[in-house]
Protein backbone atom coordinates (compact mmCIF):
# COMPACT_ATOMS: atom_id res chain seq x y z
CA MET A 1 -80.13 -66.91 24.03
CA ARG A 2 -78.97 -68.42 20.57
CA LYS A 3 -80.18 -65.23 18.91
CA ALA A 4 -78.05 -63.11 21.24
CA ILE A 5 -74.94 -65.15 20.66
CA PHE A 6 -75.44 -64.76 16.81
CA SER A 7 -75.70 -60.98 17.11
CA PHE A 8 -72.60 -60.73 19.40
CA PHE A 9 -70.60 -62.55 16.71
CA MET A 10 -72.03 -60.68 13.83
CA LEU A 11 -71.08 -57.43 15.71
CA LEU A 12 -67.52 -58.66 16.32
CA ALA A 13 -67.09 -59.55 12.67
CA GLY A 14 -68.38 -56.31 11.46
CA ALA A 15 -65.92 -54.40 13.64
CA PHE A 16 -63.06 -56.56 12.52
CA PHE A 17 -63.89 -55.98 8.77
CA LEU A 18 -63.88 -52.31 9.40
CA VAL A 19 -60.48 -52.22 11.05
CA TYR A 20 -59.02 -54.45 8.42
CA SER A 21 -60.29 -52.52 5.59
CA SER A 22 -59.41 -49.08 7.10
CA ALA A 23 -55.89 -50.39 7.64
CA GLY A 24 -55.50 -51.69 4.29
CA CYS A 25 -56.58 -48.48 2.58
CA ALA A 26 -54.99 -45.80 4.64
CA ASN A 27 -51.89 -43.61 3.59
CA ILE A 28 -48.92 -43.22 6.04
CA ILE A 29 -49.22 -39.47 7.11
CA PRO A 30 -46.41 -38.23 9.41
CA PRO A 31 -47.78 -36.44 12.60
CA SER A 32 -48.47 -32.83 12.29
CA GLY A 33 -47.75 -30.13 14.84
CA GLY A 34 -44.72 -29.94 17.29
CA PRO A 35 -41.69 -27.83 17.09
CA ARG A 36 -40.19 -27.17 13.68
CA ASP A 37 -37.11 -29.04 12.67
CA SER A 38 -34.28 -26.55 12.39
CA LEU A 39 -31.25 -28.80 12.66
CA PRO A 40 -29.28 -29.71 9.41
CA PRO A 41 -28.61 -33.12 8.37
CA LYS A 42 -25.72 -34.94 10.20
CA LEU A 43 -23.16 -37.03 8.38
CA VAL A 44 -23.28 -40.58 9.36
CA SER A 45 -20.32 -41.91 7.21
CA ALA A 46 -18.04 -40.96 4.55
CA THR A 47 -16.62 -43.60 2.17
CA PRO A 48 -13.54 -43.36 1.79
CA ALA A 49 -13.12 -41.45 5.24
CA ASP A 50 -12.41 -37.73 5.40
CA SER A 51 -8.61 -36.91 5.24
CA THR A 52 -7.74 -40.18 3.42
CA LEU A 53 -4.26 -40.37 2.15
CA ASN A 54 -3.00 -42.17 -0.92
CA PHE A 55 -6.56 -41.77 -2.29
CA ARG A 56 -7.07 -44.10 -5.31
CA GLU A 57 -10.83 -44.19 -5.81
CA ASN A 58 -13.10 -42.78 -8.33
CA ARG A 59 -16.17 -42.41 -6.18
CA ILE A 60 -16.93 -41.00 -2.72
CA SER A 61 -20.14 -41.52 -0.94
CA PHE A 62 -21.71 -39.58 1.87
CA VAL A 63 -24.47 -41.00 4.19
CA PHE A 64 -26.51 -38.73 6.13
CA ASP A 65 -29.16 -39.32 9.00
CA GLU A 66 -32.17 -38.18 7.08
CA TYR A 67 -33.37 -37.75 3.44
CA VAL A 68 -31.36 -35.01 1.67
CA ASP A 69 -31.40 -33.03 -1.61
CA LEU A 70 -29.02 -30.94 -3.61
CA GLN A 71 -29.72 -27.20 -4.44
CA GLU A 72 -27.98 -24.67 -6.86
CA VAL A 73 -25.32 -27.14 -7.30
CA GLN A 74 -23.30 -25.00 -9.70
CA ASN A 75 -23.35 -21.97 -7.48
CA ASN A 76 -22.40 -24.03 -4.44
CA LEU A 77 -19.78 -26.63 -5.41
CA LEU A 78 -16.18 -25.73 -5.25
CA PHE A 79 -13.65 -28.65 -6.13
CA THR A 80 -9.92 -27.57 -5.86
CA PRO A 81 -7.57 -28.01 -7.56
CA THR A 82 -10.08 -27.63 -10.35
CA PHE A 83 -10.83 -30.23 -12.95
CA GLU A 84 -10.91 -30.10 -16.73
CA ILE A 85 -14.16 -32.28 -16.45
CA ASN A 86 -16.11 -31.55 -13.37
CA PRO A 87 -17.04 -34.51 -11.12
CA GLU A 88 -20.58 -35.89 -11.27
CA VAL A 89 -22.73 -35.24 -8.09
CA SER A 90 -25.90 -37.13 -7.47
CA VAL A 91 -28.07 -37.69 -4.50
CA ARG A 92 -30.55 -40.77 -3.65
CA LEU A 93 -32.34 -40.82 -0.40
CA ARG A 94 -29.86 -40.15 2.31
CA THR A 95 -26.75 -40.65 0.24
CA VAL A 96 -24.81 -38.00 -1.80
CA SER A 97 -22.39 -39.59 -4.34
CA VAL A 98 -19.42 -37.93 -6.17
CA ARG A 99 -17.99 -39.75 -9.16
CA PHE A 100 -14.71 -38.27 -10.79
CA ARG A 101 -14.77 -38.20 -14.40
CA ASP A 102 -11.15 -36.89 -14.70
CA SER A 103 -7.75 -38.09 -13.59
CA LEU A 104 -6.46 -36.95 -10.18
CA LEU A 105 -3.22 -35.42 -9.87
CA PRO A 106 -0.37 -37.29 -7.92
CA ASN A 107 0.70 -36.08 -4.58
CA THR A 108 -2.12 -33.43 -4.53
CA THR A 109 -4.45 -32.40 -1.70
CA TYR A 110 -8.11 -31.99 -3.02
CA ILE A 111 -10.73 -30.20 -1.19
CA LEU A 112 -14.43 -30.70 -2.02
CA ASN A 113 -16.58 -27.92 -0.83
CA PHE A 114 -20.30 -28.26 -1.11
CA GLY A 115 -21.24 -24.80 0.21
CA ASN A 116 -24.75 -24.94 1.09
CA ALA A 117 -25.99 -27.39 -1.59
CA ILE A 118 -26.80 -30.27 0.88
CA ARG A 119 -30.17 -29.73 2.58
CA ASP A 120 -32.89 -31.87 4.28
CA ILE A 121 -36.00 -32.82 2.21
CA ASN A 122 -38.57 -31.60 5.01
CA GLU A 123 -37.35 -28.18 6.16
CA ASN A 124 -34.62 -27.28 3.77
CA ASN A 125 -32.03 -26.80 6.37
CA PRO A 126 -28.61 -26.69 4.74
CA VAL A 127 -25.39 -28.31 5.85
CA ARG A 128 -23.41 -25.23 5.74
CA ASN A 129 -19.83 -25.35 4.02
CA PHE A 130 -19.68 -29.00 4.03
CA THR A 131 -16.11 -29.86 3.25
CA TYR A 132 -14.26 -33.09 2.52
CA VAL A 133 -10.41 -33.41 2.02
CA PHE A 134 -8.24 -36.16 0.73
CA SER A 135 -4.56 -36.45 -0.78
CA THR A 136 -3.37 -38.57 -3.49
CA GLY A 137 0.03 -38.61 -1.72
CA ASN A 138 1.40 -39.34 1.55
CA VAL A 139 0.56 -36.11 3.31
CA LEU A 140 -2.17 -33.49 3.48
CA ASP A 141 -1.03 -29.89 2.38
CA SER A 142 -1.79 -27.50 5.24
CA LEU A 143 -0.82 -24.05 4.22
CA THR A 144 -3.28 -21.21 4.12
CA LEU A 145 -3.72 -17.88 2.36
CA SER A 146 -6.23 -15.13 3.31
CA GLY A 147 -7.37 -11.73 2.77
CA ARG A 148 -10.15 -9.27 1.69
CA VAL A 149 -11.58 -7.83 -1.54
CA LEU A 150 -13.33 -4.57 -1.63
CA LEU A 151 -15.24 -2.72 -4.43
CA ALA A 152 -12.70 0.21 -5.27
CA GLU A 153 -15.46 2.64 -6.35
CA ASN A 154 -17.53 2.61 -3.18
CA GLY A 155 -15.40 0.53 -0.54
CA LYS A 156 -18.28 -1.84 -0.19
CA THR A 157 -18.13 -5.80 -0.23
CA ASP A 158 -19.70 -8.15 -2.75
CA SER A 159 -20.13 -11.73 -1.64
CA THR A 160 -20.63 -13.03 -5.32
CA LEU A 161 -17.05 -12.44 -6.21
CA THR A 162 -14.66 -15.43 -6.64
CA ILE A 163 -11.06 -15.66 -5.72
CA LEU A 164 -8.73 -17.36 -8.13
CA LEU A 165 -5.14 -18.56 -7.78
CA HIS A 166 -3.10 -19.29 -10.89
CA ARG A 167 0.29 -21.18 -10.91
CA ASN A 168 1.02 -19.51 -14.34
CA LEU A 169 2.15 -16.03 -13.40
CA GLU A 170 1.72 -14.64 -16.93
CA ASP A 171 -0.98 -11.89 -17.12
CA SER A 172 -2.55 -13.63 -20.01
CA ALA A 173 -3.36 -16.57 -17.85
CA VAL A 174 -6.33 -15.12 -16.21
CA ILE A 175 -8.18 -14.77 -19.62
CA LYS A 176 -6.77 -18.07 -21.30
CA GLN A 177 -6.70 -20.68 -18.55
CA ARG A 178 -8.77 -22.02 -15.58
CA PRO A 179 -7.48 -21.27 -12.15
CA ILE A 180 -5.81 -23.96 -10.12
CA TYR A 181 -7.61 -23.06 -6.76
CA VAL A 182 -10.83 -20.97 -6.16
CA ALA A 183 -12.43 -19.56 -3.13
CA ARG A 184 -15.57 -17.80 -2.10
CA VAL A 185 -15.97 -14.36 -0.54
CA ASP A 186 -18.11 -14.02 2.56
CA GLY A 187 -20.36 -11.13 3.37
CA GLU A 188 -17.48 -8.92 4.81
CA GLY A 189 -15.30 -9.59 1.70
CA ARG A 190 -13.07 -12.00 3.35
CA PHE A 191 -11.74 -15.12 1.87
CA ARG A 192 -9.42 -18.01 2.88
CA PHE A 193 -7.65 -20.82 1.19
CA THR A 194 -6.83 -23.90 3.14
CA ASN A 195 -4.71 -27.15 2.45
CA LEU A 196 -2.41 -25.33 -0.07
CA PRO A 197 0.83 -26.79 -1.16
CA ARG A 198 4.13 -24.67 -0.71
CA ASP A 199 3.96 -22.53 -3.92
CA THR A 200 3.68 -19.08 -5.53
CA PHE A 201 0.55 -18.00 -7.16
CA ALA A 202 -1.00 -14.93 -9.00
CA ILE A 203 -4.20 -14.08 -7.24
CA TYR A 204 -7.26 -12.48 -8.84
CA ALA A 205 -10.90 -11.56 -7.90
CA LEU A 206 -13.51 -12.07 -10.56
CA GLY A 207 -17.24 -11.25 -10.68
CA ASP A 208 -19.65 -13.39 -12.78
CA ALA A 209 -17.13 -16.19 -12.93
CA GLY A 210 -19.35 -18.76 -14.04
CA ILE A 211 -18.04 -22.20 -14.79
CA VAL A 212 -15.13 -21.16 -16.95
CA ARG A 213 -13.71 -18.60 -14.27
CA ARG A 214 -11.87 -16.48 -16.81
CA TYR A 215 -11.75 -12.69 -17.25
CA GLN A 216 -13.85 -12.32 -20.43
CA ASN A 217 -15.63 -9.10 -20.40
CA ARG A 218 -13.77 -6.08 -19.08
CA SER A 219 -16.65 -3.66 -19.07
CA THR A 220 -19.10 -5.90 -17.17
CA GLN A 221 -16.99 -8.12 -14.89
CA PHE A 222 -15.60 -7.02 -11.59
CA PHE A 223 -11.77 -7.75 -11.59
CA ALA A 224 -9.04 -7.32 -8.96
CA PHE A 225 -5.33 -8.16 -9.16
CA ASN A 226 -2.51 -8.15 -6.65
CA ASP A 227 0.74 -6.17 -7.60
CA ALA A 228 3.05 -9.24 -6.83
CA PRO A 229 2.58 -12.95 -6.68
CA VAL A 230 1.69 -14.34 -3.46
CA VAL A 231 3.25 -17.27 -1.57
CA ALA A 232 0.98 -19.88 0.30
CA GLY A 233 1.59 -19.73 4.09
CA SER A 234 2.52 -16.08 4.13
CA SER A 235 1.27 -14.37 7.22
CA ASP A 236 0.53 -11.09 5.27
CA SER A 237 -3.11 -10.45 4.74
CA ILE A 238 -3.96 -9.61 1.12
CA VAL A 239 -6.32 -6.74 0.22
CA LEU A 240 -7.69 -6.66 -3.46
CA TYR A 241 -9.67 -3.67 -5.03
CA ALA A 242 -12.31 -4.68 -7.51
CA TYR A 243 -13.40 -2.52 -10.39
CA LYS A 244 -14.99 -2.56 -13.93
CA GLU A 245 -13.24 -1.08 -16.79
CA ALA A 246 -16.46 0.72 -17.99
CA PRO A 247 -15.55 3.96 -19.56
CA ALA A 248 -18.09 6.10 -17.49
CA ALA A 249 -17.56 4.08 -14.28
CA GLY A 250 -16.51 7.15 -12.33
CA THR A 251 -18.48 9.94 -13.98
CA PRO A 252 -20.62 11.98 -11.39
CA ALA A 253 -24.37 11.65 -12.08
CA THR A 254 -26.13 14.37 -13.98
CA PRO A 255 -28.77 16.01 -11.82
CA THR A 256 -32.21 14.78 -12.87
CA THR A 257 -34.59 17.28 -14.66
CA ARG A 258 -38.20 17.32 -15.40
CA SER A 259 -38.97 17.18 -19.06
CA THR A 260 -41.44 19.68 -20.62
CA ALA A 261 -43.31 19.02 -23.93
CA PRO A 262 -41.30 19.29 -27.16
CA ALA A 263 -41.05 22.81 -28.50
CA GLY A 264 -43.24 22.51 -31.47
CA GLY A 265 -45.17 19.73 -33.26
CA GLY A 266 -43.88 19.74 -36.69
CA ALA A 267 -41.25 17.27 -38.00
CA GLU A 268 -39.32 20.37 -39.54
CA ARG A 269 -39.03 22.14 -36.31
CA LEU A 270 -36.03 21.99 -33.86
CA ARG A 271 -37.08 20.05 -30.79
CA PHE A 272 -35.73 20.06 -27.19
CA THR A 273 -36.69 19.45 -23.69
CA ALA A 274 -36.26 22.04 -20.98
CA ALA A 275 -35.70 21.69 -17.13
CA GLY A 276 -38.85 22.07 -15.12
CA GLY A 277 -39.54 23.04 -11.72
CA THR A 278 -37.08 25.34 -9.81
CA VAL A 279 -33.42 25.84 -10.62
CA ASP A 280 -30.66 25.14 -7.98
CA LEU A 281 -28.85 28.41 -7.06
CA GLN A 282 -25.51 26.53 -7.53
CA GLY A 283 -26.87 24.62 -10.73
CA ASP A 284 -27.55 25.23 -14.37
CA PHE A 285 -30.66 25.60 -16.36
CA ILE A 286 -30.54 22.71 -18.88
CA LEU A 287 -31.87 22.30 -22.58
CA ASN A 288 -31.64 18.71 -23.98
CA PHE A 289 -31.83 18.03 -27.77
CA PRO A 290 -32.76 14.62 -29.16
CA VAL A 291 -30.66 15.43 -32.30
CA PRO A 292 -27.25 16.97 -31.87
CA ILE A 293 -26.76 20.74 -32.38
CA ARG A 294 -24.26 21.73 -35.09
CA ASN A 295 -24.63 25.46 -35.02
CA LEU A 296 -25.14 27.38 -31.90
CA ASP A 297 -25.41 31.29 -31.54
CA THR A 298 -25.59 32.16 -28.01
CA THR A 299 -26.04 35.93 -29.00
CA GLN A 300 -29.61 34.86 -29.88
CA LEU A 301 -30.45 33.96 -26.23
CA LEU A 302 -31.74 36.55 -23.83
CA LEU A 303 -31.97 35.87 -20.10
CA SER A 304 -33.93 38.30 -18.14
CA THR A 305 -35.89 38.73 -14.68
CA ASP A 306 -38.49 41.29 -15.42
CA SER A 307 -40.98 42.31 -18.01
CA THR A 308 -38.64 45.06 -19.44
CA PHE A 309 -36.37 42.12 -20.45
CA THR A 310 -33.36 43.58 -19.07
CA PRO A 311 -30.44 41.31 -19.91
CA VAL A 312 -28.88 39.22 -17.11
CA PRO A 313 -25.14 37.95 -17.61
CA PHE A 314 -24.83 34.26 -18.29
CA THR A 315 -22.52 31.67 -19.60
CA THR A 316 -23.29 28.49 -21.78
CA ARG A 317 -21.86 25.17 -22.23
CA LEU A 318 -22.67 22.51 -24.92
CA ASP A 319 -21.45 19.07 -24.08
CA SER A 320 -19.20 17.00 -26.47
CA THR A 321 -22.31 15.11 -27.97
CA GLY A 322 -24.03 18.41 -28.88
CA THR A 323 -27.25 17.29 -27.13
CA GLU A 324 -27.00 19.03 -23.77
CA LEU A 325 -26.75 22.88 -23.34
CA ARG A 326 -26.07 24.27 -19.91
CA ILE A 327 -26.90 27.85 -18.99
CA ARG A 328 -25.23 29.30 -15.83
CA SER A 329 -25.86 32.61 -13.97
CA PRO A 330 -25.26 34.26 -10.68
CA TRP A 331 -28.80 33.25 -9.86
CA ARG A 332 -30.82 35.39 -7.36
CA GLU A 333 -32.94 33.41 -4.76
CA GLY A 334 -36.48 32.94 -5.38
CA THR A 335 -36.59 34.88 -8.66
CA GLN A 336 -38.63 34.37 -11.85
CA TYR A 337 -36.49 34.20 -14.94
CA ASN A 338 -37.33 34.40 -18.69
CA LEU A 339 -35.19 32.85 -21.38
CA ILE A 340 -35.88 34.14 -24.86
CA LEU A 341 -34.70 31.75 -27.61
CA ASP A 342 -34.58 33.59 -31.09
CA ARG A 343 -35.47 31.19 -33.97
CA ALA A 344 -31.82 31.47 -35.17
CA PHE A 345 -30.15 30.57 -31.85
CA ALA A 346 -29.46 26.92 -32.98
CA GLU A 347 -29.67 24.46 -35.72
CA ASP A 348 -29.52 20.67 -35.49
CA THR A 349 -27.66 18.13 -37.78
CA LEU A 350 -30.85 17.74 -39.74
CA GLY A 351 -30.92 21.47 -40.55
CA ARG A 352 -33.83 22.15 -38.23
CA ARG A 353 -34.43 25.47 -36.33
CA LEU A 354 -37.28 27.03 -34.33
CA LEU A 355 -40.06 28.23 -36.51
CA LYS A 356 -40.37 31.26 -34.20
CA THR A 357 -39.05 32.81 -31.17
CA ASP A 358 -39.88 30.98 -27.91
CA THR A 359 -39.85 32.14 -24.43
CA LEU A 360 -39.09 29.67 -21.37
CA ASN A 361 -40.15 30.77 -17.83
CA PHE A 362 -38.41 29.18 -14.67
CA SER A 363 -37.71 30.32 -11.14
CA THR A 364 -34.92 29.69 -8.66
CA LYS A 365 -34.83 28.36 -5.09
CA LYS A 366 -34.98 30.25 -1.99
CA LEU A 367 -32.27 30.42 0.57
CA SER A 368 -34.48 28.78 3.09
CA ASP A 369 -34.77 25.82 0.62
CA TYR A 370 -31.10 25.07 1.69
CA GLY A 371 -29.38 23.72 4.82
CA ARG A 372 -26.23 25.16 6.07
CA LEU A 373 -23.54 22.44 6.43
CA ASN A 374 -20.44 22.38 8.63
CA LEU A 375 -18.80 18.86 8.32
CA ARG A 376 -15.60 17.89 10.04
CA ILE A 377 -13.79 14.69 8.67
CA ARG A 378 -11.12 13.13 11.02
CA SER A 379 -8.47 10.75 9.74
CA ALA A 380 -8.46 11.72 6.14
CA ASP A 381 -4.89 11.76 4.49
CA THR A 382 -4.74 15.12 3.08
CA ALA A 383 -1.49 14.23 1.22
CA ARG A 384 -3.38 11.80 -1.08
CA ASN A 385 -5.60 14.34 -2.69
CA PRO A 386 -8.89 13.36 -0.83
CA VAL A 387 -12.20 14.18 -2.46
CA LEU A 388 -15.30 14.21 -0.34
CA LEU A 389 -18.19 12.41 -2.15
CA PHE A 390 -21.90 12.84 -1.32
CA VAL A 391 -24.07 9.96 -2.39
CA GLN A 392 -27.65 9.35 -2.91
CA ASN A 393 -29.34 6.39 -4.50
CA SER A 394 -25.77 4.88 -5.08
CA GLN A 395 -25.13 7.97 -7.29
CA VAL A 396 -22.52 10.69 -6.52
CA VAL A 397 -24.38 13.90 -6.53
CA LYS A 398 -21.54 16.17 -5.18
CA ALA A 399 -17.77 15.69 -5.19
CA VAL A 400 -15.78 18.37 -3.21
CA PRO A 401 -11.86 18.31 -2.86
CA ILE A 402 -10.85 18.77 0.66
CA ARG A 403 -7.72 20.54 1.70
CA SER A 404 -8.30 20.48 5.40
CA GLY A 405 -10.40 18.32 7.72
CA VAL A 406 -13.50 20.74 7.63
CA TYR A 407 -15.88 21.33 4.77
CA THR A 408 -18.49 24.12 5.03
CA ASP A 409 -21.33 24.80 2.53
CA ARG A 410 -24.07 27.41 2.98
CA LEU A 411 -26.39 26.31 0.17
CA PHE A 412 -26.63 22.51 0.67
CA ALA A 413 -29.66 20.66 -0.62
CA PRO A 414 -31.57 18.93 2.05
CA GLY A 415 -31.69 15.20 2.26
CA GLU A 416 -29.98 12.07 3.48
CA TYR A 417 -26.34 11.50 2.25
CA GLU A 418 -24.01 8.58 2.33
CA LEU A 419 -20.31 9.89 2.62
CA ARG A 420 -17.21 8.54 1.13
CA ILE A 421 -13.63 9.67 0.60
CA LEU A 422 -11.89 9.21 -2.76
CA TYR A 423 -8.23 9.29 -2.82
CA ASP A 424 -7.74 10.92 -6.30
CA GLN A 425 -4.38 9.98 -7.60
CA ASN A 426 -4.51 11.95 -10.89
CA GLY A 427 -6.43 14.94 -9.52
CA ASN A 428 -9.26 14.86 -12.03
CA GLY A 429 -11.81 15.01 -9.30
CA LYS A 430 -13.58 11.52 -10.06
CA TRP A 431 -12.86 7.90 -9.44
CA ASP A 432 -10.95 6.16 -12.19
CA PRO A 433 -10.88 2.32 -12.59
CA GLY A 434 -7.63 0.21 -12.94
CA ASP A 435 -6.16 -1.11 -16.02
CA PHE A 436 -4.55 -4.50 -15.82
CA PHE A 437 -3.43 -5.11 -19.21
CA GLY A 438 -2.54 -1.43 -19.92
CA GLY A 439 0.25 -1.12 -17.47
CA ARG A 440 -1.13 -2.94 -14.39
CA ARG A 441 -2.61 0.12 -12.98
CA GLN A 442 -4.64 -0.30 -9.57
CA PRO A 443 -7.98 1.58 -9.37
CA GLU A 444 -8.37 4.56 -7.37
CA THR A 445 -9.64 3.77 -3.89
CA VAL A 446 -12.67 4.99 -2.08
CA LEU A 447 -13.26 4.61 1.68
CA PRO A 448 -16.87 4.69 2.88
CA ILE A 449 -17.80 6.88 6.03
CA ARG A 450 -19.99 4.58 8.12
CA GLN A 451 -22.55 7.07 9.41
CA ASN A 452 -24.82 8.97 6.95
CA ILE A 453 -25.75 12.62 7.48
CA THR A 454 -29.25 14.22 7.07
CA ILE A 455 -29.33 17.81 6.03
CA LYS A 456 -32.41 19.86 7.12
CA ALA A 457 -33.58 22.86 5.24
CA ASP A 458 -33.13 26.29 6.92
CA TRP A 459 -30.98 24.72 9.60
CA ASP A 460 -27.38 24.73 10.86
CA ASN A 461 -26.35 21.15 10.31
CA GLU A 462 -23.01 20.22 11.99
CA PHE A 463 -21.36 16.78 11.92
CA GLU A 464 -18.19 15.16 12.70
CA ARG A 465 -17.23 11.92 11.00
CA SER A 466 -14.27 9.62 10.90
CA LEU A 467 -13.02 7.14 8.31
């Protein structure tokens, strides 16, 4: 009996030791499984409270109902009016703090927009467009200003653009000074300023605004301006057209060609590459030269279609750089051509010529390789010189002025095309960017046609589209 009692107490003591030691060494692991948390953190308190008047503090604290983190702070945070020295933003556990390092303007309404920077720790759920407003005066400003910005060259939107408001109405302010108010652009190109004072502003759109938010590089930054200053509280919606001042921004793309091997292996020999494959019946046969041509004698070229080398009429055009020679002829469908180049037909700037006469062979496409297009465009304003643009891979491959609402083409290359309408103000057949500092000239505008068309080869393709 005494042995049985002893064994019972020994067993009980061992069990107690196991439980105690396990509890002392274990890590606290949150339960797994269950539904995913898809809810963003909720604000529990803000100190001082949102919409505070006569604000005199140098710090604001936001407490949430769960642990939070800050992500992409520089891209998300917008503090307006802007500061010379940006506030310091920090996070600890459930609290986000903002400390002002610059003095606040008197009688001014401030907006702190965190964008999507505040997120929960576990599932990365953002508190979308978290905004806090306060005033250093007796009232909160309440006027608004809204509008839309489009890319002038294609009519599309770009949500990375930033909208700027300047109190200084001089043109130079956009390159020399920081804006007083800034706003984001949404996926549809729309923007909206809130809590503005009654005032007049110059308004701009800017790409790659960065921290300085100034127009610094005209050839790489998107930029848009309004013709006249805007007044906060105006009911008129503003439309801005953004552009880059790159010199070749509106030049239609050159058709891609297949390169052949250089004509000759010696360093003293004229070199070029020739278009491979088949030539478009409405296109050119192209020779490209790595070194510019300085002397060209087209009488030393012979174009023929048979072994008797009967000459076929053609014209040539050497581009302004001297590196591209285009040969055009009234091509016959599905025909083999021979281009004979005499050694004296060209000389490059290094003084090199062909070592001997060369012959290039190529063929043309057949009529059955093309589709027949009949396209009716509704709502195009023919008084504004509309040009119909056919676009593939974001490149304009064909530009056609339209004098009526119908366009027909019996030799149209098959494929899928995006359609746009360019209103060609100067009649040069291509899109031209604006020039803010050279006369405040707005860019030409392009309107996208929403539905693409697909051209089938050897087929009657009929479409009707509206702007």
